[in-house]
């Protein structure tokens, strides 16, 4: 089967005094999601899954409309810091040289969420369950940079704390092939052809 892991589009900067920050997409984010849906409109999809967080669900909606499929929410696909009271795009952290950016650069784990080991175990189990349920299918899973990093690191045989070894761009597509024999292969990483030349932000290292 073919697994498309898709990072959500650009969210709004969100800081709340109580509860968890669960940002909506920004205007650019909605435009990114629309271009993603157009880009994948000619590919057959058998199912679409999403993290429960709003930035992922809103990214999945245009894709689901194009394919006339429901979006199935999987709670275990949430980002590691789902209960954090703030969401600040990593590009802003980099631009302002925020201390959290320095932690990311040094490969350290930002506190406030699951440990790398617990997070990786949760993510891998959830995605593997979808793989088993969709033998022979092509499915899209709209989720988060950390989720994608955790699963790709698992496929590469890397330790859970290595999951930030690369940066998934906004609405980037990461294709993996999963055989019923248990083999997992990476087909592409960070597909962003749908954003090229659009003037929309792509990610931390590309415009």
N, C-alpha and C. Protein backbone atom coordinates (compact mmCIF):
# COMPACT_ATOMS: atom_id res chain seq x y z
N UNK A 1 0.84 -1.18 0.00
CA UNK A 1 0.00 0.00 0.00
C UNK A 1 0.88 1.24 0.00
N UNK A 2 0.29 2.38 -0.40
CA UNK A 2 1.03 3.63 -0.41
C UNK A 2 0.45 4.57 0.64
N UNK A 3 1.35 5.09 1.45
CA UNK A 3 0.99 5.97 2.56
C UNK A 3 1.50 7.37 2.27
N UNK A 4 0.59 8.35 2.26
CA UNK A 4 0.95 9.74 2.07
C UNK A 4 0.82 10.45 3.42
N UNK A 5 1.95 10.78 4.01
CA UNK A 5 1.93 11.58 5.23
C UNK A 5 2.05 13.04 4.82
N UNK A 6 1.11 13.86 5.26
CA UNK A 6 1.04 15.26 4.82
C UNK A 6 1.06 16.18 6.04
N UNK A 7 1.99 17.11 6.05
CA UNK A 7 1.99 18.08 7.14
C UNK A 7 0.89 19.11 6.92
N UNK A 8 0.31 19.59 7.99
CA UNK A 8 -0.72 20.62 7.90
C UNK A 8 -0.18 21.90 7.27
N UNK A 9 -1.08 22.79 6.87
CA UNK A 9 -0.73 24.10 6.33
C UNK A 9 -0.38 25.07 7.46
N UNK A 10 0.02 26.28 7.08
CA UNK A 10 0.48 27.28 8.05
C UNK A 10 -0.66 27.75 8.96
N UNK A 11 -0.52 27.58 10.28
CA UNK A 11 -1.56 28.03 11.21
C UNK A 11 -1.33 29.49 11.65
N UNK A 12 -2.32 30.00 12.37
CA UNK A 12 -2.19 31.30 13.00
C UNK A 12 -1.34 31.17 14.27
N UNK A 13 -0.61 32.21 14.58
CA UNK A 13 0.08 32.28 15.87
C UNK A 13 -0.98 32.36 16.95
N UNK A 14 -0.91 31.49 17.95
CA UNK A 14 -1.97 31.42 18.97
C UNK A 14 -1.36 31.24 20.35
N UNK A 15 -1.74 32.12 21.27
CA UNK A 15 -1.33 32.01 22.67
C UNK A 15 -2.57 32.20 23.53
N UNK A 16 -2.85 31.25 24.43
CA UNK A 16 -4.03 31.34 25.29
C UNK A 16 -3.61 31.30 26.74
N UNK A 17 -4.43 31.90 27.61
CA UNK A 17 -4.10 31.92 29.04
C UNK A 17 -4.57 30.66 29.75
N UNK A 18 -5.58 29.99 29.19
CA UNK A 18 -6.08 28.75 29.78
C UNK A 18 -6.31 27.72 28.69
N UNK A 19 -6.09 26.47 29.02
CA UNK A 19 -6.34 25.40 28.08
C UNK A 19 -5.23 25.28 27.04
N UNK A 20 -5.53 24.55 25.99
CA UNK A 20 -4.54 24.27 24.95
C UNK A 20 -4.75 25.19 23.75
N UNK A 21 -3.66 25.66 23.19
CA UNK A 21 -3.72 26.40 21.94
C UNK A 21 -3.96 25.40 20.81
N UNK A 22 -5.03 25.59 20.10
CA UNK A 22 -5.36 24.70 18.98
C UNK A 22 -5.68 25.61 17.79
N UNK A 23 -4.64 26.14 17.14
CA UNK A 23 -4.84 27.21 16.16
C UNK A 23 -5.58 26.78 14.90
N UNK A 24 -6.27 27.74 14.32
CA UNK A 24 -6.85 27.59 13.00
C UNK A 24 -5.80 27.94 11.96
N UNK A 25 -6.09 27.63 10.71
CA UNK A 25 -5.16 27.99 9.64
C UNK A 25 -5.18 29.49 9.40
N UNK A 26 -4.04 30.01 8.99
CA UNK A 26 -3.93 31.39 8.55
C UNK A 26 -4.50 31.51 7.12
N UNK A 27 -4.56 32.73 6.61
CA UNK A 27 -5.02 32.93 5.24
C UNK A 27 -4.09 32.20 4.26
N UNK A 28 -2.78 32.32 4.49
CA UNK A 28 -1.83 31.59 3.65
C UNK A 28 -2.02 30.09 3.79
N UNK A 29 -2.35 29.64 4.99
CA UNK A 29 -2.57 28.22 5.21
C UNK A 29 -3.74 27.68 4.41
N UNK A 30 -4.83 28.44 4.36
CA UNK A 30 -5.98 28.01 3.55
C UNK A 30 -5.60 27.93 2.07
N UNK A 31 -4.81 28.89 1.62
CA UNK A 31 -4.37 28.87 0.22
C UNK A 31 -3.46 27.67 -0.05
N UNK A 32 -2.59 27.36 0.89
CA UNK A 32 -1.73 26.18 0.75
C UNK A 32 -2.56 24.91 0.66
N UNK A 33 -3.56 24.79 1.53
CA UNK A 33 -4.40 23.59 1.56
C UNK A 33 -5.16 23.43 0.24
N UNK A 34 -5.60 24.55 -0.32
CA UNK A 34 -6.32 24.49 -1.60
C UNK A 34 -5.39 24.01 -2.72
N UNK A 35 -4.17 24.48 -2.72
CA UNK A 35 -3.21 24.05 -3.75
C UNK A 35 -2.84 22.58 -3.57
N UNK A 36 -2.74 22.13 -2.32
CA UNK A 36 -2.49 20.71 -2.05
C UNK A 36 -3.61 19.85 -2.64
N UNK A 37 -4.85 20.25 -2.39
CA UNK A 37 -5.99 19.49 -2.88
C UNK A 37 -6.00 19.42 -4.41
N UNK A 38 -5.66 20.54 -5.05
CA UNK A 38 -5.60 20.56 -6.51
C UNK A 38 -4.48 19.64 -7.01
N UNK A 39 -3.35 19.69 -6.35
CA UNK A 39 -2.18 18.89 -6.75
C UNK A 39 -2.49 17.40 -6.69
N UNK A 40 -3.24 16.98 -5.67
CA UNK A 40 -3.54 15.56 -5.50
C UNK A 40 -4.88 15.15 -6.12
N UNK A 41 -5.51 16.06 -6.83
CA UNK A 41 -6.85 15.78 -7.35
C UNK A 41 -6.87 14.67 -8.40
N UNK A 42 -5.76 14.45 -9.08
CA UNK A 42 -5.73 13.42 -10.12
C UNK A 42 -5.27 12.06 -9.60
N UNK A 43 -4.91 11.99 -8.32
CA UNK A 43 -4.47 10.72 -7.73
C UNK A 43 -5.62 10.06 -6.98
N UNK A 44 -5.74 8.78 -7.16
CA UNK A 44 -6.78 8.05 -6.43
C UNK A 44 -6.39 7.91 -4.96
N UNK A 45 -7.35 8.20 -4.09
CA UNK A 45 -7.17 7.97 -2.66
C UNK A 45 -8.30 7.09 -2.16
N UNK A 46 -7.98 6.15 -1.31
CA UNK A 46 -9.00 5.26 -0.75
C UNK A 46 -9.53 5.74 0.59
N UNK A 47 -8.75 6.57 1.29
CA UNK A 47 -9.19 7.08 2.59
C UNK A 47 -8.33 8.28 2.97
N UNK A 48 -8.91 9.14 3.80
CA UNK A 48 -8.21 10.32 4.30
C UNK A 48 -8.35 10.35 5.82
N UNK A 49 -7.23 10.46 6.50
CA UNK A 49 -7.21 10.51 7.95
C UNK A 49 -6.60 11.84 8.40
N UNK A 50 -6.94 12.24 9.62
CA UNK A 50 -6.43 13.50 10.15
C UNK A 50 -6.18 13.41 11.64
N UNK A 51 -5.21 14.18 12.07
CA UNK A 51 -5.05 14.47 13.50
C UNK A 51 -6.30 15.18 14.00
N UNK A 52 -6.58 15.13 15.30
CA UNK A 52 -7.75 15.83 15.83
C UNK A 52 -7.55 17.35 15.93
N UNK A 53 -6.32 17.83 15.77
CA UNK A 53 -6.06 19.26 15.91
C UNK A 53 -6.57 20.02 14.69
N UNK A 54 -7.04 21.24 14.94
CA UNK A 54 -7.79 21.96 13.90
C UNK A 54 -6.95 22.30 12.68
N UNK A 55 -5.67 22.57 12.86
CA UNK A 55 -4.85 22.92 11.71
C UNK A 55 -4.71 21.74 10.74
N UNK A 56 -4.73 20.53 11.27
CA UNK A 56 -4.67 19.35 10.41
C UNK A 56 -6.02 19.09 9.75
N UNK A 57 -7.08 19.18 10.54
CA UNK A 57 -8.43 18.92 10.00
C UNK A 57 -8.78 19.91 8.90
N UNK A 58 -8.44 21.19 9.10
CA UNK A 58 -8.74 22.19 8.08
C UNK A 58 -7.91 21.98 6.82
N UNK A 59 -6.71 21.45 6.96
CA UNK A 59 -5.89 21.13 5.79
C UNK A 59 -6.48 19.96 5.02
N UNK A 60 -7.05 19.02 5.74
CA UNK A 60 -7.62 17.82 5.11
C UNK A 60 -8.93 18.10 4.39
N UNK A 61 -9.68 19.10 4.84
CA UNK A 61 -11.03 19.32 4.30
C UNK A 61 -11.06 19.54 2.79
N UNK A 62 -10.24 20.44 2.20
CA UNK A 62 -10.31 20.61 0.74
C UNK A 62 -9.94 19.33 -0.02
N UNK A 63 -9.00 18.58 0.51
CA UNK A 63 -8.62 17.31 -0.11
C UNK A 63 -9.79 16.33 -0.09
N UNK A 64 -10.48 16.28 1.04
CA UNK A 64 -11.64 15.39 1.17
C UNK A 64 -12.76 15.81 0.23
N UNK A 65 -12.96 17.11 0.08
CA UNK A 65 -13.99 17.60 -0.85
C UNK A 65 -13.68 17.18 -2.28
N UNK A 66 -12.42 17.29 -2.66
CA UNK A 66 -12.01 16.92 -4.01
C UNK A 66 -12.26 15.44 -4.29
N UNK A 67 -11.99 14.61 -3.29
CA UNK A 67 -12.09 13.15 -3.48
C UNK A 67 -13.42 12.58 -3.00
N UNK A 68 -14.26 13.45 -2.46
CA UNK A 68 -15.57 13.00 -1.97
C UNK A 68 -15.43 11.86 -0.97
N UNK A 69 -14.52 12.09 -0.03
CA UNK A 69 -14.26 11.12 1.02
C UNK A 69 -14.42 11.80 2.38
N UNK A 70 -14.82 11.06 3.39
CA UNK A 70 -14.87 11.64 4.73
C UNK A 70 -13.46 11.76 5.31
N UNK A 71 -13.30 12.67 6.23
CA UNK A 71 -12.05 12.77 6.98
C UNK A 71 -12.24 12.02 8.29
N UNK A 72 -11.45 10.99 8.49
CA UNK A 72 -11.53 10.17 9.70
C UNK A 72 -10.47 10.66 10.69
N UNK A 73 -10.89 11.07 11.86
CA UNK A 73 -9.98 11.61 12.86
C UNK A 73 -9.38 10.48 13.69
N UNK A 74 -8.07 10.53 13.86
CA UNK A 74 -7.35 9.55 14.69
C UNK A 74 -6.64 10.34 15.79
N UNK A 75 -7.07 10.18 17.01
CA UNK A 75 -6.56 10.97 18.11
C UNK A 75 -5.06 10.80 18.31
N UNK A 76 -4.56 9.62 18.06
CA UNK A 76 -3.13 9.32 18.29
C UNK A 76 -2.20 10.02 17.30
N UNK A 77 -2.77 10.69 16.30
CA UNK A 77 -1.96 11.41 15.33
C UNK A 77 -1.69 12.85 15.76
N UNK A 78 -2.14 13.23 16.95
CA UNK A 78 -1.90 14.59 17.44
C UNK A 78 -0.42 14.83 17.67
N UNK A 79 -0.01 16.11 17.59
CA UNK A 79 1.38 16.48 17.81
C UNK A 79 1.76 16.25 19.27
N UNK A 80 3.06 16.14 19.54
CA UNK A 80 3.53 15.81 20.89
C UNK A 80 3.16 16.88 21.91
N UNK A 81 3.02 18.14 21.47
CA UNK A 81 2.74 19.24 22.40
C UNK A 81 1.29 19.71 22.29
N UNK A 82 0.39 18.78 22.03
CA UNK A 82 -1.01 19.14 21.79
C UNK A 82 -1.64 19.90 22.94
N UNK A 83 -1.11 19.77 24.16
CA UNK A 83 -1.70 20.44 25.32
C UNK A 83 -1.00 21.76 25.66
N UNK A 84 -0.07 22.19 24.82
CA UNK A 84 0.63 23.45 25.07
C UNK A 84 -0.33 24.63 24.96
N UNK A 85 -0.08 25.68 25.74
CA UNK A 85 -0.94 26.87 25.72
C UNK A 85 -0.57 27.85 24.62
N UNK A 86 0.44 27.52 23.82
CA UNK A 86 0.81 28.42 22.73
C UNK A 86 1.27 27.65 21.51
N UNK A 87 1.01 28.24 20.35
CA UNK A 87 1.53 27.72 19.10
C UNK A 87 2.21 28.87 18.38
N UNK A 88 3.51 28.78 18.25
CA UNK A 88 4.29 29.79 17.55
C UNK A 88 5.03 29.09 16.42
N UNK A 89 4.76 29.47 15.17
CA UNK A 89 5.44 28.80 14.05
C UNK A 89 6.95 28.81 14.23
N UNK A 90 7.59 27.72 13.88
CA UNK A 90 9.02 27.58 14.10
C UNK A 90 9.81 28.64 13.33
N UNK A 91 9.24 29.13 12.21
CA UNK A 91 9.92 30.18 11.46
C UNK A 91 10.05 31.45 12.29
N UNK A 92 9.02 31.74 13.10
CA UNK A 92 9.10 32.90 13.99
C UNK A 92 10.12 32.66 15.09
N UNK A 93 10.17 31.44 15.62
CA UNK A 93 11.17 31.13 16.63
C UNK A 93 12.58 31.34 16.08
N UNK A 94 12.79 30.95 14.84
CA UNK A 94 14.09 31.13 14.21
C UNK A 94 14.40 32.60 14.00
N UNK A 95 13.42 33.35 13.50
CA UNK A 95 13.63 34.78 13.19
C UNK A 95 13.96 35.60 14.43
N UNK A 96 13.35 35.24 15.55
CA UNK A 96 13.57 35.98 16.78
C UNK A 96 14.65 35.36 17.66
N UNK A 97 15.27 34.28 17.16
CA UNK A 97 16.29 33.55 17.92
C UNK A 97 15.79 33.17 19.31
N UNK A 98 14.55 32.70 19.34
CA UNK A 98 13.92 32.27 20.59
C UNK A 98 14.73 31.12 21.20
N UNK A 99 14.82 31.05 22.54
CA UNK A 99 15.54 29.94 23.17
C UNK A 99 15.05 28.57 22.72
N UNK A 100 13.77 28.45 22.41
CA UNK A 100 13.24 27.18 21.93
C UNK A 100 13.82 26.81 20.57
N UNK A 101 14.13 27.82 19.77
CA UNK A 101 14.77 27.56 18.49
C UNK A 101 16.16 26.97 18.71
N UNK A 102 16.88 27.49 19.69
CA UNK A 102 18.20 26.97 19.99
C UNK A 102 18.13 25.51 20.44
N UNK A 103 17.06 25.16 21.17
CA UNK A 103 16.87 23.76 21.57
C UNK A 103 16.67 22.87 20.35
N UNK A 104 15.87 23.37 19.40
CA UNK A 104 15.62 22.60 18.19
C UNK A 104 16.91 22.39 17.41
N UNK A 105 17.68 23.46 17.26
CA UNK A 105 18.93 23.39 16.51
C UNK A 105 19.89 22.39 17.14
N UNK A 106 19.92 22.36 18.47
CA UNK A 106 20.84 21.47 19.17
C UNK A 106 20.31 20.05 19.30
N UNK A 107 19.10 19.83 18.78
CA UNK A 107 18.53 18.48 18.80
C UNK A 107 17.92 18.10 20.12
N UNK A 108 17.70 19.07 20.99
CA UNK A 108 17.10 18.78 22.29
C UNK A 108 15.57 18.80 22.18
N UNK A 109 14.94 18.15 23.14
CA UNK A 109 13.48 18.03 23.16
C UNK A 109 12.87 19.19 23.94
N UNK A 110 11.89 19.86 23.35
CA UNK A 110 11.21 20.95 24.04
C UNK A 110 10.22 20.36 25.03
N UNK A 111 10.32 20.81 26.27
CA UNK A 111 9.44 20.28 27.31
C UNK A 111 7.99 20.72 27.08
N UNK A 112 7.07 20.04 27.72
CA UNK A 112 5.67 20.43 27.64
C UNK A 112 4.81 19.43 26.91
N UNK A 113 5.38 18.31 26.50
CA UNK A 113 4.60 17.31 25.80
C UNK A 113 5.08 15.92 26.14
N UNK A 114 4.71 14.96 25.31
CA UNK A 114 5.17 13.59 25.50
C UNK A 114 6.69 13.51 25.38
N UNK A 115 7.28 12.54 26.04
CA UNK A 115 8.69 12.28 25.82
C UNK A 115 8.86 11.72 24.41
N UNK A 116 10.05 11.81 23.83
CA UNK A 116 10.26 11.26 22.48
C UNK A 116 9.88 9.79 22.38
N UNK A 117 10.20 9.03 23.41
CA UNK A 117 9.92 7.59 23.37
C UNK A 117 8.42 7.30 23.38
N UNK A 118 7.69 7.97 24.27
CA UNK A 118 6.23 7.78 24.35
C UNK A 118 5.56 8.27 23.08
N UNK A 119 6.00 9.42 22.61
CA UNK A 119 5.43 10.00 21.39
C UNK A 119 5.65 9.07 20.20
N UNK A 120 6.87 8.59 20.02
CA UNK A 120 7.18 7.72 18.90
C UNK A 120 6.35 6.43 18.96
N UNK A 121 6.24 5.86 20.13
CA UNK A 121 5.46 4.63 20.28
C UNK A 121 4.00 4.85 19.89
N UNK A 122 3.44 5.97 20.32
CA UNK A 122 2.04 6.28 19.99
C UNK A 122 1.85 6.47 18.50
N UNK A 123 2.73 7.25 17.89
CA UNK A 123 2.60 7.57 16.46
C UNK A 123 2.79 6.33 15.60
N UNK A 124 3.81 5.56 15.88
CA UNK A 124 4.10 4.38 15.07
C UNK A 124 2.96 3.37 15.17
N UNK A 125 2.44 3.17 16.36
CA UNK A 125 1.33 2.23 16.52
C UNK A 125 0.11 2.68 15.73
N UNK A 126 -0.19 3.97 15.77
CA UNK A 126 -1.36 4.49 15.06
C UNK A 126 -1.21 4.34 13.55
N UNK A 127 -0.06 4.70 13.02
CA UNK A 127 0.14 4.62 11.58
C UNK A 127 0.20 3.18 11.11
N UNK A 128 0.85 2.32 11.88
CA UNK A 128 0.91 0.91 11.50
C UNK A 128 -0.48 0.28 11.48
N UNK A 129 -1.35 0.71 12.38
CA UNK A 129 -2.73 0.20 12.37
C UNK A 129 -3.46 0.60 11.09
N UNK A 130 -3.20 1.80 10.60
CA UNK A 130 -3.80 2.24 9.34
C UNK A 130 -3.24 1.45 8.16
N UNK A 131 -1.96 1.18 8.20
CA UNK A 131 -1.33 0.39 7.14
C UNK A 131 -1.96 -1.00 7.07
N UNK A 132 -2.13 -1.62 8.21
CA UNK A 132 -2.72 -2.97 8.25
C UNK A 132 -4.16 -2.94 7.73
N UNK A 133 -4.88 -1.88 8.02
CA UNK A 133 -6.29 -1.78 7.62
C UNK A 133 -6.47 -1.45 6.14
N UNK A 134 -5.39 -1.06 5.46
CA UNK A 134 -5.52 -0.59 4.08
C UNK A 134 -4.53 -1.26 3.14
N UNK A 135 -4.36 -2.55 3.26
CA UNK A 135 -3.47 -3.26 2.35
C UNK A 135 -3.95 -3.08 0.91
N UNK A 136 -3.02 -2.67 0.03
CA UNK A 136 -3.36 -2.48 -1.38
C UNK A 136 -3.96 -1.12 -1.69
N UNK A 137 -4.15 -0.28 -0.70
CA UNK A 137 -4.77 1.03 -0.90
C UNK A 137 -3.73 2.14 -0.94
N UNK A 138 -4.21 3.34 -1.29
CA UNK A 138 -3.41 4.56 -1.13
C UNK A 138 -4.20 5.48 -0.20
N UNK A 139 -3.60 5.85 0.92
CA UNK A 139 -4.29 6.68 1.89
C UNK A 139 -3.46 7.94 2.19
N UNK A 140 -4.17 9.00 2.55
CA UNK A 140 -3.53 10.25 2.97
C UNK A 140 -3.76 10.44 4.46
N UNK A 141 -2.70 10.82 5.16
CA UNK A 141 -2.77 11.07 6.60
C UNK A 141 -2.26 12.48 6.84
N UNK A 142 -3.16 13.39 7.21
CA UNK A 142 -2.79 14.79 7.42
C UNK A 142 -2.47 14.97 8.91
N UNK A 143 -1.25 15.37 9.18
CA UNK A 143 -0.82 15.39 10.58
C UNK A 143 0.18 16.51 10.82
N UNK A 144 1.28 16.22 11.48
CA UNK A 144 2.19 17.26 11.98
C UNK A 144 3.64 16.90 11.70
N UNK A 145 4.49 17.93 11.78
CA UNK A 145 5.91 17.71 11.52
C UNK A 145 6.52 16.68 12.44
N UNK A 146 6.16 16.75 13.72
CA UNK A 146 6.69 15.79 14.67
C UNK A 146 6.23 14.37 14.40
N UNK A 147 4.97 14.22 14.00
CA UNK A 147 4.42 12.90 13.68
C UNK A 147 5.14 12.31 12.48
N UNK A 148 5.32 13.13 11.45
CA UNK A 148 6.02 12.66 10.25
C UNK A 148 7.46 12.28 10.60
N UNK A 149 8.13 13.14 11.35
CA UNK A 149 9.50 12.86 11.74
C UNK A 149 9.63 11.57 12.53
N UNK A 150 8.68 11.34 13.45
CA UNK A 150 8.73 10.14 14.28
C UNK A 150 8.57 8.88 13.45
N UNK A 151 7.62 8.90 12.50
CA UNK A 151 7.41 7.68 11.71
C UNK A 151 8.55 7.45 10.72
N UNK A 152 9.02 8.50 10.08
CA UNK A 152 10.13 8.35 9.14
C UNK A 152 11.39 7.87 9.87
N UNK A 153 11.64 8.42 11.06
CA UNK A 153 12.79 7.97 11.85
C UNK A 153 12.66 6.49 12.19
N UNK A 154 11.43 6.06 12.50
CA UNK A 154 11.19 4.64 12.78
C UNK A 154 11.50 3.78 11.57
N UNK A 155 11.04 4.20 10.40
CA UNK A 155 11.29 3.43 9.17
C UNK A 155 12.80 3.34 8.90
N UNK A 156 13.52 4.41 9.20
CA UNK A 156 14.97 4.42 8.97
C UNK A 156 15.77 3.73 10.07
N UNK A 157 15.07 3.27 11.11
CA UNK A 157 15.76 2.59 12.20
C UNK A 157 16.50 3.52 13.13
N UNK A 158 16.07 4.78 13.19
CA UNK A 158 16.72 5.77 14.04
C UNK A 158 16.08 5.78 15.42
N UNK A 159 16.82 6.28 16.40
CA UNK A 159 16.30 6.37 17.76
C UNK A 159 15.20 7.42 17.83
N UNK A 160 14.23 7.27 18.76
CA UNK A 160 13.14 8.24 18.88
C UNK A 160 13.61 9.68 19.01
N UNK A 161 14.70 9.91 19.70
CA UNK A 161 15.16 11.29 19.87
C UNK A 161 15.77 11.88 18.60
N UNK A 162 15.86 11.09 17.55
CA UNK A 162 16.39 11.59 16.27
C UNK A 162 15.27 12.05 15.34
N UNK A 163 14.04 12.07 15.83
CA UNK A 163 12.91 12.34 14.94
C UNK A 163 12.87 13.75 14.37
N UNK A 164 13.66 14.68 14.91
CA UNK A 164 13.72 16.03 14.35
C UNK A 164 14.89 16.18 13.39
N UNK A 165 15.31 15.05 12.78
CA UNK A 165 16.48 15.09 11.90
C UNK A 165 16.22 15.82 10.59
N UNK A 166 14.96 16.06 10.22
CA UNK A 166 14.67 16.87 9.04
C UNK A 166 13.40 17.67 9.29
N UNK A 167 13.17 18.67 8.43
CA UNK A 167 12.06 19.60 8.65
C UNK A 167 11.01 19.42 7.56
N UNK A 168 9.82 18.93 7.89
CA UNK A 168 8.74 18.84 6.91
C UNK A 168 8.12 20.21 6.65
N UNK A 169 8.06 20.60 5.40
CA UNK A 169 7.47 21.89 5.04
C UNK A 169 5.94 21.86 5.13
N UNK A 170 5.34 23.02 5.10
CA UNK A 170 3.88 23.11 5.16
C UNK A 170 3.25 22.43 3.94
N UNK A 171 2.25 21.63 4.18
CA UNK A 171 1.54 20.80 3.21
C UNK A 171 2.48 19.92 2.39
N UNK A 172 3.66 19.65 2.93
CA UNK A 172 4.57 18.73 2.23
C UNK A 172 4.03 17.31 2.29
N UNK A 173 4.32 16.56 1.23
CA UNK A 173 3.86 15.18 1.09
C UNK A 173 5.07 14.26 1.23
N UNK A 174 4.91 13.23 2.03
CA UNK A 174 5.96 12.26 2.29
C UNK A 174 5.37 10.89 1.97
N UNK A 175 5.84 10.27 0.91
CA UNK A 175 5.27 9.02 0.43
C UNK A 175 6.09 7.83 0.92
N UNK A 176 5.38 6.85 1.44
CA UNK A 176 6.03 5.62 1.88
C UNK A 176 5.26 4.43 1.32
N UNK A 177 6.00 3.38 0.98
CA UNK A 177 5.39 2.14 0.54
C UNK A 177 5.48 1.14 1.69
N UNK A 178 4.36 0.48 1.96
CA UNK A 178 4.30 -0.49 3.06
C UNK A 178 3.83 -1.83 2.52
N UNK A 179 4.70 -2.81 2.61
CA UNK A 179 4.38 -4.15 2.13
C UNK A 179 3.74 -4.97 3.24
N UNK A 180 2.90 -5.92 2.85
CA UNK A 180 2.24 -6.78 3.83
C UNK A 180 3.26 -7.66 4.56
N UNK A 181 4.45 -7.82 3.97
CA UNK A 181 5.50 -8.60 4.60
C UNK A 181 6.18 -7.85 5.74
N UNK A 182 5.85 -6.57 5.88
CA UNK A 182 6.44 -5.77 6.95
C UNK A 182 7.49 -4.79 6.48
N UNK A 183 7.89 -4.86 5.21
CA UNK A 183 8.88 -3.92 4.69
C UNK A 183 8.27 -2.53 4.53
N UNK A 184 9.05 -1.51 4.87
CA UNK A 184 8.63 -0.12 4.72
C UNK A 184 9.69 0.61 3.92
N UNK A 185 9.28 1.33 2.89
CA UNK A 185 10.23 2.04 2.02
C UNK A 185 9.81 3.49 1.87
N UNK A 186 10.78 4.37 1.88
CA UNK A 186 10.52 5.79 1.64
C UNK A 186 10.59 6.04 0.14
N UNK A 187 9.53 6.62 -0.40
CA UNK A 187 9.46 6.92 -1.83
C UNK A 187 9.88 8.36 -2.09
N UNK A 188 9.29 9.31 -1.37
CA UNK A 188 9.67 10.72 -1.46
C UNK A 188 9.57 11.35 -0.08
N UNK A 189 10.31 12.43 0.11
CA UNK A 189 10.19 13.26 1.30
C UNK A 189 10.04 14.71 0.86
N UNK A 190 9.20 15.45 1.56
CA UNK A 190 9.07 16.90 1.37
C UNK A 190 8.68 17.31 -0.05
N UNK A 191 7.71 16.62 -0.65
CA UNK A 191 7.16 17.09 -1.92
C UNK A 191 6.42 18.41 -1.69
N UNK A 192 6.83 19.45 -2.40
CA UNK A 192 6.15 20.75 -2.27
C UNK A 192 5.98 21.41 -3.64
N UNK A 193 5.89 20.60 -4.69
CA UNK A 193 5.73 21.15 -6.03
C UNK A 193 4.51 22.04 -6.17
N UNK A 194 3.47 21.77 -5.40
CA UNK A 194 2.24 22.56 -5.49
C UNK A 194 2.40 23.97 -4.96
N UNK A 195 3.47 24.23 -4.20
CA UNK A 195 3.70 25.57 -3.65
C UNK A 195 4.73 26.37 -4.44
N UNK A 196 5.46 25.72 -5.32
CA UNK A 196 6.50 26.40 -6.08
C UNK A 196 5.90 27.50 -6.95
N UNK A 197 6.48 28.69 -6.87
CA UNK A 197 6.03 29.80 -7.71
C UNK A 197 4.73 30.43 -7.28
N UNK A 198 4.18 29.98 -6.15
CA UNK A 198 2.89 30.49 -5.70
C UNK A 198 3.01 31.78 -4.88
N UNK A 199 4.21 32.04 -4.38
CA UNK A 199 4.38 33.17 -3.48
C UNK A 199 3.99 32.86 -2.05
N UNK A 200 3.48 31.66 -1.81
CA UNK A 200 3.11 31.24 -0.45
C UNK A 200 4.34 30.73 0.28
N UNK A 201 4.34 30.85 1.61
CA UNK A 201 5.48 30.30 2.36
C UNK A 201 5.50 28.78 2.21
N UNK A 202 6.71 28.24 2.12
CA UNK A 202 6.87 26.80 1.99
C UNK A 202 7.36 26.20 3.29
N UNK A 203 8.33 26.84 3.91
CA UNK A 203 8.85 26.30 5.15
C UNK A 203 10.02 27.12 5.64
N UNK A 204 10.73 26.54 6.57
CA UNK A 204 11.80 27.26 7.24
C UNK A 204 12.98 27.57 6.32
N UNK A 205 13.24 26.70 5.35
CA UNK A 205 14.44 26.85 4.54
C UNK A 205 14.14 27.21 3.09
N UNK A 206 12.85 27.27 2.71
CA UNK A 206 12.50 27.54 1.32
C UNK A 206 11.36 28.53 1.25
N UNK A 207 11.34 29.28 0.15
CA UNK A 207 10.26 30.25 -0.07
C UNK A 207 9.69 30.06 -1.48
